[in-house]
Amino acid sequence: MYNIIAESCSAIASVALVLSFQIKNTRKMFVIQCLANLLFCVNYLMFFEYTAAALMVLGMFSPIILVATKGDNKYIKYGIMLVYLLVGIFTYNGILSILLTVAQLAGILAQWTYKPRLIRWVRLCASPLWLAKNISVGWFITGAELFTFISILIFLIRTRKEKYD
């Protein structure tokens, strides 16, 4: 039952994440991704994957802080980046945890640009790292990360000719 609950959280979060990348409005995309990150966090905590869970918590709050401050306060940005680095250091569990921390840092830097295509390109690059993490812990729902990757590609192809950024 425990595994079913954990995997259900991951499955619902994966669907929300995949759908979020098809939304053109950056703020709406952030809201859906915050909800997905919450469910992923629960999933990672249930499997004692603390680096991933902590990164998901930061992934929930970083966009909220960004939107609330309109991205204008550089000290808040540096503070958030420092917290990401500290989480990566204190929850270190091998090279993959470092790569995930770097991927999340790149993601938050992309979010601060408010450029939807850049946000998706960075997430596209990070997707294989999360897939590797999920495979390393033997999760059934690892294929969901492939759907995220495909969803981002579809969006980038669909909007390639639009003046979108």
Protein backbone atom coordinates (compact mmCIF):
# COMPACT_ATOMS: atom_id res chain seq x y z
CA MET A 1 0.00 0.00 0.00
CA TYR A 2 2.88 2.34 0.88
CA ASN A 3 4.43 1.95 -2.58
CA ILE A 4 1.06 2.44 -4.27
CA ILE A 5 0.57 5.78 -2.49
CA ALA A 6 4.11 6.90 -3.32
CA GLU A 7 3.83 5.90 -6.97
CA SER A 8 0.35 7.48 -7.21
CA CYS A 9 1.78 10.80 -6.03
CA SER A 10 4.47 10.50 -8.67
CA ALA A 11 2.00 9.58 -11.41
CA ILE A 12 -0.34 12.50 -10.66
CA ALA A 13 2.62 14.87 -10.41
CA SER A 14 3.99 13.60 -13.71
CA VAL A 15 0.71 14.22 -15.51
CA ALA A 16 0.51 17.74 -14.06
CA LEU A 17 4.12 18.45 -15.04
CA VAL A 18 3.64 17.17 -18.58
CA LEU A 19 0.51 19.29 -19.00
CA SER A 20 2.20 22.37 -17.52
CA PHE A 21 4.70 22.50 -20.36
CA GLN A 22 1.88 22.96 -22.87
CA ILE A 23 0.63 26.13 -21.17
CA LYS A 24 1.85 29.37 -22.73
CA ASN A 25 1.19 31.54 -19.67
CA THR A 26 4.33 31.39 -17.51
CA ARG A 27 2.55 32.15 -14.23
CA LYS A 28 -0.03 29.41 -14.79
CA MET A 29 2.78 27.04 -15.70
CA PHE A 30 4.55 27.92 -12.42
CA VAL A 31 1.39 27.23 -10.37
CA ILE A 32 0.87 23.80 -11.89
CA GLN A 33 4.54 22.99 -11.48
CA CYS A 34 4.38 23.99 -7.79
CA LEU A 35 1.58 21.48 -7.26
CA ALA A 36 3.53 18.82 -9.16
CA ASN A 37 6.63 19.53 -7.07
CA LEU A 38 4.60 19.08 -3.88
CA LEU A 39 3.49 15.62 -5.00
CA PHE A 40 6.99 14.72 -6.15
CA CYS A 41 8.30 15.85 -2.76
CA VAL A 42 5.90 13.51 -0.97
CA ASN A 43 7.01 10.72 -3.29
CA TYR A 44 10.72 11.33 -2.69
CA LEU A 45 10.24 11.57 1.07
CA MET A 46 8.39 8.27 1.10
CA PHE A 47 11.46 6.67 -0.50
CA PHE A 48 13.94 8.56 1.75
CA GLU A 49 15.46 10.50 -1.16
CA TYR A 50 16.20 13.67 0.77
CA THR A 51 18.16 15.64 -1.85
CA ALA A 52 15.39 15.20 -4.40
CA ALA A 53 12.69 16.00 -1.82
CA ALA A 54 14.47 19.15 -0.66
CA LEU A 55 14.99 20.27 -4.26
CA MET A 56 11.27 19.78 -4.90
CA VAL A 57 10.41 21.95 -1.88
CA LEU A 58 12.70 24.67 -3.19
CA GLY A 59 11.18 24.16 -6.62
CA MET A 60 7.76 24.89 -5.11
CA PHE A 61 8.71 28.10 -3.37
CA SER A 62 11.22 29.65 -5.78
CA PRO A 63 8.62 30.52 -8.45
CA ILE A 64 6.24 31.85 -5.79
CA ILE A 65 8.96 34.14 -4.43
CA LEU A 66 9.90 35.12 -7.97
CA VAL A 67 6.34 36.10 -8.84
CA ALA A 68 5.77 37.86 -5.50
CA THR A 69 8.92 39.99 -5.85
CA LYS A 70 8.53 40.37 -9.62
CA GLY A 71 12.09 39.05 -9.83
CA ASP A 72 13.52 42.47 -9.00
CA ASN A 73 15.44 41.75 -5.80
CA LYS A 74 18.87 40.35 -6.62
CA TYR A 75 19.57 39.55 -2.94
CA ILE A 76 16.55 37.27 -2.82
CA LYS A 77 17.80 35.57 -5.99
CA TYR A 78 21.27 35.07 -4.51
CA GLY A 79 19.72 33.83 -1.28
CA ILE A 80 17.64 31.24 -3.11
CA MET A 81 20.69 30.10 -5.06
CA LEU A 82 22.65 29.78 -1.82
CA VAL A 83 19.87 27.66 -0.29
CA TYR A 84 19.94 25.35 -3.33
CA LEU A 85 23.70 24.95 -2.94
CA LEU A 86 23.43 24.29 0.79
CA VAL A 87 20.72 21.68 0.21
CA GLY A 88 22.96 19.97 -2.31
CA ILE A 89 25.89 19.98 0.11
CA PHE A 90 24.02 18.84 3.21
CA THR A 91 22.02 16.12 1.48
CA TYR A 92 24.91 14.85 -0.63
CA ASN A 93 24.37 11.27 -1.74
CA GLY A 94 26.72 10.76 -4.66
CA ILE A 95 27.41 12.46 -7.97
CA LEU A 96 23.77 12.31 -9.05
CA SER A 97 22.72 14.54 -6.16
CA ILE A 98 25.27 17.13 -7.31
CA LEU A 99 23.99 16.96 -10.89
CA LEU A 100 20.39 17.34 -9.73
CA THR A 101 21.34 20.37 -7.63
CA VAL A 102 23.09 21.97 -10.61
CA ALA A 103 20.10 21.17 -12.84
CA GLN A 104 17.70 22.79 -10.36
CA LEU A 105 19.96 25.85 -10.05
CA ALA A 106 19.96 26.21 -13.82
CA GLY A 107 16.19 25.83 -13.80
CA ILE A 108 15.67 28.62 -11.29
CA LEU A 109 18.01 30.90 -13.23
CA ALA A 110 15.95 30.21 -16.34
CA GLN A 111 12.70 30.91 -14.46
CA TRP A 112 14.02 34.32 -13.45
CA THR A 113 14.23 35.30 -17.11
CA TYR A 114 10.46 34.72 -17.58
CA LYS A 115 11.33 33.38 -21.03
CA PRO A 116 9.12 30.33 -21.58
CA ARG A 117 11.31 28.78 -24.27
CA LEU A 118 14.46 29.13 -22.17
CA ILE A 119 12.70 27.63 -19.14
CA ARG A 120 11.69 24.65 -21.26
CA TRP A 121 15.13 24.23 -22.85
CA VAL A 122 16.78 24.10 -19.42
CA ARG A 123 14.16 21.64 -18.17
CA LEU A 124 14.72 19.56 -21.30
CA CYS A 125 18.42 19.31 -20.40
CA ALA A 126 17.63 18.46 -16.76
CA SER A 127 15.08 15.79 -17.63
CA PRO A 128 17.63 12.99 -18.29
CA LEU A 129 19.20 13.66 -14.86
CA TRP A 130 15.86 13.19 -13.11
CA LEU A 131 15.25 10.09 -15.20
CA ALA A 132 18.62 8.70 -14.07
CA LYS A 133 17.74 9.49 -10.43
CA ASN A 134 14.41 7.71 -10.71
CA ILE A 135 16.00 4.68 -12.38
CA SER A 136 18.73 4.55 -9.72
CA VAL A 137 16.14 4.05 -7.00
CA GLY A 138 14.13 1.55 -9.07
CA TRP A 139 10.89 3.48 -9.43
CA PHE A 140 8.12 2.08 -11.55
CA ILE A 141 6.96 5.50 -12.74
CA THR A 142 10.32 6.51 -14.26
CA GLY A 143 8.78 6.50 -17.72
CA ALA A 144 6.87 9.64 -16.73
CA GLU A 145 10.08 11.63 -17.06
CA LEU A 146 10.23 10.51 -20.68
CA PHE A 147 6.74 11.96 -21.18
CA THR A 148 7.93 15.23 -19.64
CA PHE A 149 10.84 15.27 -22.07
CA ILE A 150 8.52 14.57 -25.01
CA SER A 151 6.01 17.19 -23.83
CA ILE A 152 8.70 19.85 -23.74
CA LEU A 153 9.90 18.86 -27.22
CA ILE A 154 6.34 19.06 -28.55
CA PHE A 155 5.90 22.54 -27.10
CA LEU A 156 9.22 23.75 -28.53
CA ILE A 157 8.36 22.36 -31.96
CA ARG A 158 4.80 23.72 -31.80
CA THR A 159 5.97 27.24 -30.96
CA ARG A 160 9.24 27.36 -32.90
CA LYS A 161 7.95 29.85 -35.45
CA GLU A 162 6.02 32.00 -33.00
CA LYS A 163 7.39 35.20 -31.55
CA TYR A 164 7.11 33.73 -28.10
CA ASP A 165 9.94 34.88 -25.82
